[in-house]
Amino acid sequence: MLETSARLLRLLSLLQTRCEWSGKELAAHLGVTTRTVRRDVERLRDLGYPVHADRGTAGYRLGSGASLPPLLLDDDEAVAVALGLRTAVGIEETSSRALVKLEQVLPPRLRHRVNTLQTATVRVGGPGPRVDPDTLMTIAEACRRRERLRFDYTGASGGRSLRTVEPQSLVSFHRHWYLVAWDVERDDWRSFRVDRMDPRTPTGPRFPPRQPPDGDVAAYLARRLSSGTWPFQATVTLHESAESAAERVWPGMGVVEAVDDHSCLLHVGADTPSALVWMITAVDADFTLVSGPPELAAALRVQAARCLRAVRSAVPPH
């Protein structure tokens, strides 16, 4: 039989793994009587853990309390939390404080696993812009309650404007946090960088739900970021399925839109027509130009001629 302190920890761990346990189930797992389980539940309550008992089913469940009690995590859960804190986007300072507290109590074997995974992992790109956790929470609450949100916004050029929106969703994308929302003044969907937002409180009146743009806020944001903000934009038809082509289109490069089982549209944007050519041909699929600047067709012809010259001058294989 476990000692009382070890048994309490084991009981707490069991209560955290399921919504409800019967007294008999807990007694069987702990190797004690149901009477001992009732006494241990009372001890947990004295320590601040809100353990609720259902008289009708003789079941126990762990509720939420007014303060945060210690959590019991298994090995895999502890490693996953630590790695998640190490790779948090925009709230690195807050995550670092939480990570320090967690790593102080990790046993050596788990600290070794976390450090091993961290040293073997390459992080592409630097940390994202810092985002105030209170700002994230204010926006998230407005999304959940469907309340209008007013905020001062700093645009890419540095200009400031007051915006009133119906917030839809927060999206973490490419080391940045974005808000996708219906802009009341412009009567259209817009996306906003959260690190450039300064919310005004309290929030505004409630609004009825809207269908998300493009049917999916993540797809809408990817389209906006991959083509909508670039000076040169193009759409081509790829002569293969969207599922097949999507494997070769990385996030931020472009947006794939299914047409039928054998073709799809690729929407891309870039700084120059030559960059568009590179992005389109990098997908390695037959394509037809649907729309784009006049310079793009010329750039494609130049690239085609360059490739033909390279083949003509190549030494044929023996």
Protein backbone atom coordinates (compact mmCIF):
# COMPACT_ATOMS: atom_id res chain seq x y z
CA MET A 1 0.00 0.00 0.00
CA LEU A 2 1.26 3.46 -0.83
CA GLU A 3 2.14 5.93 1.95
CA THR A 4 -0.42 8.67 2.48
CA SER A 5 1.49 11.48 0.69
CA ALA A 6 2.36 9.29 -2.30
CA ARG A 7 -1.21 8.02 -2.41
CA LEU A 8 -2.59 11.55 -2.48
CA LEU A 9 -0.37 12.40 -5.45
CA ARG A 10 -1.46 9.22 -7.21
CA LEU A 11 -5.12 10.02 -6.49
CA LEU A 12 -4.71 13.55 -7.84
CA SER A 13 -3.02 12.19 -10.96
CA LEU A 14 -5.92 9.78 -11.56
CA LEU A 15 -8.51 12.53 -11.11
CA GLN A 16 -6.73 14.64 -13.75
CA THR A 17 -6.88 11.91 -16.40
CA ARG A 18 -10.66 11.39 -16.55
CA CYS A 19 -13.79 13.46 -16.14
CA GLU A 20 -15.19 11.16 -13.45
CA TRP A 21 -14.14 8.15 -11.37
CA SER A 22 -16.24 5.95 -9.13
CA GLY A 23 -15.06 5.36 -5.58
CA LYS A 24 -14.62 1.65 -6.31
CA GLU A 25 -12.45 2.36 -9.37
CA LEU A 26 -10.20 4.70 -7.41
CA ALA A 27 -9.94 2.22 -4.54
CA ALA A 28 -8.93 -0.56 -6.93
CA HIS A 29 -6.23 1.57 -8.57
CA LEU A 30 -4.83 2.70 -5.22
CA GLY A 31 -5.17 -0.64 -3.40
CA VAL A 32 -7.25 0.81 -0.59
CA THR A 33 -10.85 0.78 0.60
CA THR A 34 -13.53 3.20 -0.58
CA ARG A 35 -13.53 4.64 2.94
CA THR A 36 -9.84 5.54 2.57
CA VAL A 37 -10.63 7.13 -0.81
CA ARG A 38 -13.24 9.36 0.88
CA ARG A 39 -10.70 10.42 3.52
CA ASP A 40 -8.06 11.15 0.86
CA VAL A 41 -10.55 13.21 -1.12
CA GLU A 42 -11.16 15.30 1.99
CA ARG A 43 -7.39 15.81 2.37
CA LEU A 44 -7.16 17.04 -1.23
CA ARG A 45 -10.00 19.47 -0.57
CA ASP A 46 -8.15 20.80 2.48
CA LEU A 47 -5.15 21.42 0.19
CA GLY A 48 -7.29 23.51 -2.16
CA TYR A 49 -8.21 20.97 -4.84
CA PRO A 50 -11.94 21.22 -5.71
CA VAL A 51 -12.91 17.53 -5.84
CA HIS A 52 -16.63 17.18 -6.41
CA ALA A 53 -18.65 14.13 -5.40
CA ASP A 54 -21.86 13.03 -7.11
CA ARG A 55 -24.08 11.31 -4.57
CA GLY A 56 -26.26 9.76 -7.26
CA THR A 57 -23.46 7.88 -9.01
CA ALA A 58 -20.92 7.82 -6.16
CA GLY A 59 -18.48 9.43 -8.57
CA TYR A 60 -15.63 11.90 -8.07
CA ARG A 61 -14.42 14.58 -10.45
CA LEU A 62 -11.83 17.34 -10.26
CA GLY A 63 -13.30 20.79 -10.80
CA SER A 64 -11.79 24.21 -11.43
CA GLY A 65 -10.92 26.37 -8.45
CA ALA A 66 -10.29 30.01 -7.68
CA SER A 67 -6.49 29.55 -7.76
CA LEU A 68 -4.12 27.40 -9.80
CA PRO A 69 -3.04 24.33 -7.80
CA PRO A 70 -0.04 22.21 -8.79
CA LEU A 71 -0.58 20.09 -11.89
CA LEU A 72 0.63 16.53 -12.31
CA LEU A 73 1.94 15.75 -15.79
CA ASP A 74 3.23 12.46 -17.12
CA ASP A 75 6.64 12.36 -18.83
CA ASP A 76 5.39 12.94 -22.37
CA GLU A 77 3.04 15.75 -21.28
CA ALA A 78 5.82 17.54 -19.40
CA VAL A 79 8.17 17.37 -22.40
CA ALA A 80 5.42 18.59 -24.76
CA VAL A 81 4.62 21.58 -22.51
CA ALA A 82 8.30 22.51 -22.18
CA LEU A 83 8.86 22.39 -25.93
CA GLY A 84 5.70 24.37 -26.55
CA LEU A 85 6.90 27.09 -24.19
CA ARG A 86 10.29 27.20 -25.92
CA THR A 87 8.66 27.80 -29.32
CA ALA A 88 5.90 30.21 -28.27
CA VAL A 89 5.27 33.00 -30.76
CA GLY A 90 5.06 36.65 -29.70
CA ILE A 91 4.89 35.94 -25.95
CA GLU A 92 8.45 34.70 -25.50
CA GLU A 93 9.06 36.68 -22.29
CA THR A 94 6.01 35.24 -20.51
CA SER A 95 6.74 31.76 -21.85
CA SER A 96 10.35 31.96 -20.64
CA ARG A 97 9.22 32.70 -17.09
CA ALA A 98 6.86 29.72 -17.14
CA LEU A 99 9.56 27.51 -18.67
CA VAL A 100 12.04 28.39 -15.91
CA LYS A 101 9.51 27.34 -13.27
CA LEU A 102 8.74 24.10 -15.10
CA GLU A 103 12.37 23.12 -15.72
CA GLN A 104 13.22 23.70 -12.04
CA VAL A 105 10.94 20.82 -11.06
CA LEU A 106 11.60 18.49 -13.99
CA PRO A 107 13.48 15.35 -12.97
CA PRO A 108 16.92 14.93 -14.61
CA ARG A 109 15.67 12.34 -17.13
CA LEU A 110 13.00 14.71 -18.46
CA ARG A 111 15.29 17.74 -18.43
CA HIS A 112 17.70 15.69 -20.53
CA ARG A 113 14.92 14.81 -23.03
CA VAL A 114 13.87 18.45 -23.36
CA ASN A 115 17.46 19.65 -23.85
CA THR A 116 18.17 16.87 -26.34
CA LEU A 117 15.17 17.80 -28.48
CA GLN A 118 15.99 21.49 -28.23
CA THR A 119 19.63 21.12 -29.29
CA ALA A 120 18.66 18.87 -32.20
CA THR A 121 16.04 21.32 -33.49
CA VAL A 122 16.72 24.17 -35.90
CA ARG A 123 14.43 27.17 -35.59
CA VAL A 124 13.98 29.01 -38.87
CA GLY A 125 13.69 32.76 -38.48
CA GLY A 126 14.12 34.88 -35.41
CA PRO A 127 11.54 35.48 -32.70
CA GLY A 128 8.33 37.15 -33.72
CA PRO A 129 7.34 40.65 -32.65
CA ARG A 130 6.40 40.84 -28.98
CA VAL A 131 2.68 40.65 -28.32
CA ASP A 132 1.18 41.78 -25.02
CA PRO A 133 -0.67 38.77 -23.48
CA ASP A 134 -3.36 41.17 -22.20
CA THR A 135 -3.93 42.35 -25.78
CA LEU A 136 -4.27 38.77 -26.98
CA MET A 137 -6.76 38.03 -24.21
CA THR A 138 -8.81 41.17 -24.94
CA ILE A 139 -9.08 40.20 -28.61
CA ALA A 140 -9.82 36.56 -27.81
CA GLU A 141 -12.61 37.53 -25.42
CA ALA A 142 -14.14 39.84 -28.03
CA CYS A 143 -14.04 36.96 -30.55
CA ARG A 144 -15.65 34.55 -28.09
CA ARG A 145 -18.38 36.96 -27.01
CA ARG A 146 -18.88 38.33 -30.55
CA GLU A 147 -18.44 41.93 -29.40
CA ARG A 148 -17.25 44.76 -31.60
CA LEU A 149 -13.66 45.80 -31.03
CA ARG A 150 -12.20 49.31 -31.41
CA PHE A 151 -8.45 49.77 -31.61
CA ASP A 152 -5.73 52.10 -32.79
CA TYR A 153 -3.79 50.47 -35.60
CA THR A 154 -0.31 51.23 -36.95
CA GLY A 155 -0.08 50.35 -40.63
CA ALA A 156 2.98 49.03 -42.46
CA SER A 157 3.90 52.60 -43.49
CA GLY A 158 3.66 53.89 -39.90
CA GLY A 159 0.33 55.68 -40.24
CA ARG A 160 -2.17 55.44 -37.36
CA SER A 161 -5.90 54.88 -37.72
CA LEU A 162 -8.85 54.05 -35.50
CA ARG A 163 -10.58 50.82 -36.60
CA THR A 164 -13.90 49.29 -35.60
CA VAL A 165 -14.28 45.61 -36.40
CA GLU A 166 -16.30 42.48 -35.71
CA PRO A 167 -13.52 40.09 -34.67
CA GLN A 168 -13.66 36.57 -36.11
CA SER A 169 -10.49 34.67 -35.14
CA LEU A 170 -6.90 35.00 -33.99
CA VAL A 171 -4.39 33.23 -36.24
CA SER A 172 -0.74 32.45 -35.51
CA PHE A 173 1.05 32.52 -38.88
CA HIS A 174 4.76 32.79 -39.73
CA ARG A 175 5.96 34.08 -36.35
CA HIS A 176 3.18 36.68 -36.18
CA TRP A 177 -0.25 36.90 -34.57
CA TYR A 178 -3.07 38.16 -36.80
CA LEU A 179 -6.70 39.08 -36.23
CA VAL A 180 -9.13 38.27 -39.03
CA ALA A 181 -12.18 40.52 -38.69
CA TRP A 182 -15.03 42.22 -40.52
CA ASP A 183 -14.09 45.90 -40.88
CA VAL A 184 -17.25 47.89 -40.17
CA GLU A 185 -16.08 51.09 -41.90
CA ARG A 186 -14.84 49.34 -45.06
CA ASP A 187 -17.67 46.78 -45.16
CA ASP A 188 -15.26 43.93 -45.92
CA TRP A 189 -12.96 41.36 -44.34
CA ARG A 190 -9.53 42.51 -43.23
CA SER A 191 -6.51 41.08 -41.39
CA PHE A 192 -4.51 42.95 -38.74
CA ARG A 193 -1.13 42.32 -37.10
CA VAL A 194 -1.79 42.03 -33.37
CA ASP A 195 1.55 43.60 -32.43
CA ARG A 196 0.38 46.77 -34.23
CA MET A 197 -2.97 46.91 -32.39
CA ASP A 198 -3.78 48.98 -29.32
CA PRO A 199 -7.32 47.93 -28.22
CA ARG A 200 -9.68 50.41 -26.65
CA THR A 201 -11.86 49.12 -23.86
CA PRO A 202 -14.61 48.46 -23.09
CA THR A 203 -15.60 46.48 -26.16
CA GLY A 204 -18.65 47.42 -28.18
CA PRO A 205 -22.09 45.88 -28.75
CA ARG A 206 -22.60 42.25 -29.73
CA PHE A 207 -22.96 41.27 -33.38
CA PRO A 208 -24.50 38.27 -35.17
CA PRO A 209 -22.08 35.58 -36.39
CA ARG A 210 -20.79 35.72 -39.98
CA GLN A 211 -19.57 32.96 -42.24
CA PRO A 212 -15.74 33.07 -42.19
CA PRO A 213 -14.09 34.50 -45.32
CA ASP A 214 -13.29 31.88 -47.97
CA GLY A 215 -14.98 29.41 -45.63
CA ASP A 216 -11.79 29.24 -43.56
CA VAL A 217 -9.92 32.08 -41.84
CA ALA A 218 -6.55 30.35 -42.23
CA ALA A 219 -7.02 30.02 -46.01
CA TYR A 220 -8.17 33.63 -46.22
CA LEU A 221 -5.14 34.88 -44.31
CA ALA A 222 -2.75 32.77 -46.37
CA ARG A 223 -4.24 34.24 -49.54
CA ARG A 224 -3.92 37.79 -48.21
CA LEU A 225 -0.33 37.34 -47.14
CA SER A 226 0.86 35.41 -50.18
CA SER A 227 -0.63 37.59 -52.89
CA GLY A 228 -2.78 40.46 -51.70
CA THR A 229 0.03 42.64 -50.36
CA TRP A 230 2.58 42.13 -53.16
CA PRO A 231 3.08 44.61 -56.03
CA PHE A 232 2.97 41.80 -58.64
CA GLN A 233 0.27 39.15 -58.44
CA ALA A 234 -0.69 36.26 -60.68
CA THR A 235 -3.00 33.27 -60.97
CA VAL A 236 -2.16 30.14 -62.94
CA THR A 237 -3.99 26.89 -63.55
CA LEU A 238 -1.95 23.88 -62.46
CA HIS A 239 -2.87 20.76 -64.42
CA GLU A 240 -3.00 18.42 -61.47
CA SER A 241 -5.12 18.04 -58.35
CA ALA A 242 -4.99 20.57 -55.54
CA GLU A 243 -4.10 17.80 -53.09
CA SER A 244 -1.04 16.83 -55.14
CA ALA A 245 0.12 20.41 -55.83
CA ALA A 246 -0.34 21.59 -52.23
CA GLU A 247 2.49 19.33 -51.10
CA ARG A 248 4.93 21.51 -53.08
CA VAL A 249 3.53 24.92 -52.12
CA TRP A 250 4.99 26.04 -48.81
CA PRO A 251 3.11 28.36 -46.42
CA GLY A 252 3.35 31.99 -47.51
CA MET A 253 4.39 31.09 -51.07
CA GLY A 254 0.89 30.97 -52.50
CA VAL A 255 -2.64 29.64 -52.13
CA VAL A 256 -3.93 26.57 -53.92
CA GLU A 257 -7.63 26.52 -54.88
CA ALA A 258 -9.22 23.31 -56.13
CA VAL A 259 -11.06 23.40 -59.49
CA ASP A 260 -11.72 19.71 -60.15
CA ASP A 261 -9.99 16.37 -59.68
CA HIS A 262 -7.38 17.17 -62.32
CA SER A 263 -6.67 20.90 -61.97
CA CYS A 264 -6.38 23.73 -59.47
CA LEU A 265 -5.59 27.43 -59.29
CA LEU A 266 -2.40 28.79 -57.75
CA HIS A 267 -2.49 32.41 -56.54
CA VAL A 268 0.94 33.96 -55.94
CA GLY A 269 2.49 37.36 -55.34
CA ALA A 270 6.05 38.70 -55.40
CA ASP A 271 8.23 41.81 -55.66
CA THR A 272 9.14 41.24 -59.33
CA PRO A 273 7.81 39.33 -62.37
CA SER A 274 10.99 37.24 -62.36
CA ALA A 275 10.25 36.13 -58.81
CA LEU A 276 6.76 35.12 -59.92
CA VAL A 277 8.30 32.98 -62.66
CA TRP A 278 10.55 31.26 -60.15
CA MET A 279 7.67 30.57 -57.74
CA ILE A 280 5.35 29.22 -60.43
CA THR A 281 7.92 26.95 -62.06
CA ALA A 282 9.19 25.74 -58.67
CA VAL A 283 5.92 23.87 -58.19
CA ASP A 284 7.09 21.53 -61.01
CA ALA A 285 3.73 21.14 -62.76
CA ASP A 286 2.28 21.95 -66.17
CA PHE A 287 0.43 25.25 -65.95
CA THR A 288 -1.53 27.84 -67.89
CA LEU A 289 -1.33 31.55 -67.13
CA VAL A 290 -4.78 32.85 -66.14
CA SER A 291 -4.03 36.40 -65.01
CA GLY A 292 -1.07 38.56 -64.15
CA PRO A 293 0.83 41.70 -65.13
CA PRO A 294 1.98 42.05 -68.77
CA GLU A 295 5.59 41.75 -67.60
CA LEU A 296 4.94 38.20 -66.37
CA ALA A 297 4.25 36.78 -69.85
CA ALA A 298 7.45 38.40 -71.10
CA ALA A 299 9.42 37.03 -68.14
CA LEU A 300 8.07 33.52 -68.81
CA ARG A 301 9.19 33.74 -72.45
CA VAL A 302 12.66 34.86 -71.38
CA GLN A 303 12.90 31.96 -68.95
CA ALA A 304 11.68 29.48 -71.58
CA ALA A 305 14.22 30.71 -74.11
CA ARG A 306 16.99 30.49 -71.50
CA CYS A 307 16.07 26.88 -70.74
CA LEU A 308 15.97 25.97 -74.46
CA ARG A 309 19.42 27.46 -75.01
CA ALA A 310 20.74 25.48 -72.08
CA VAL A 311 19.41 22.24 -73.58
CA ARG A 312 20.74 22.95 -77.06
CA SER A 313 24.25 23.63 -75.78
CA ALA A 314 24.32 20.64 -73.46
CA VAL A 315 26.45 17.62 -74.40
CA PRO A 316 24.12 14.72 -75.21
CA PRO A 317 24.48 11.69 -72.91
CA HIS A 318 26.34 8.68 -74.31
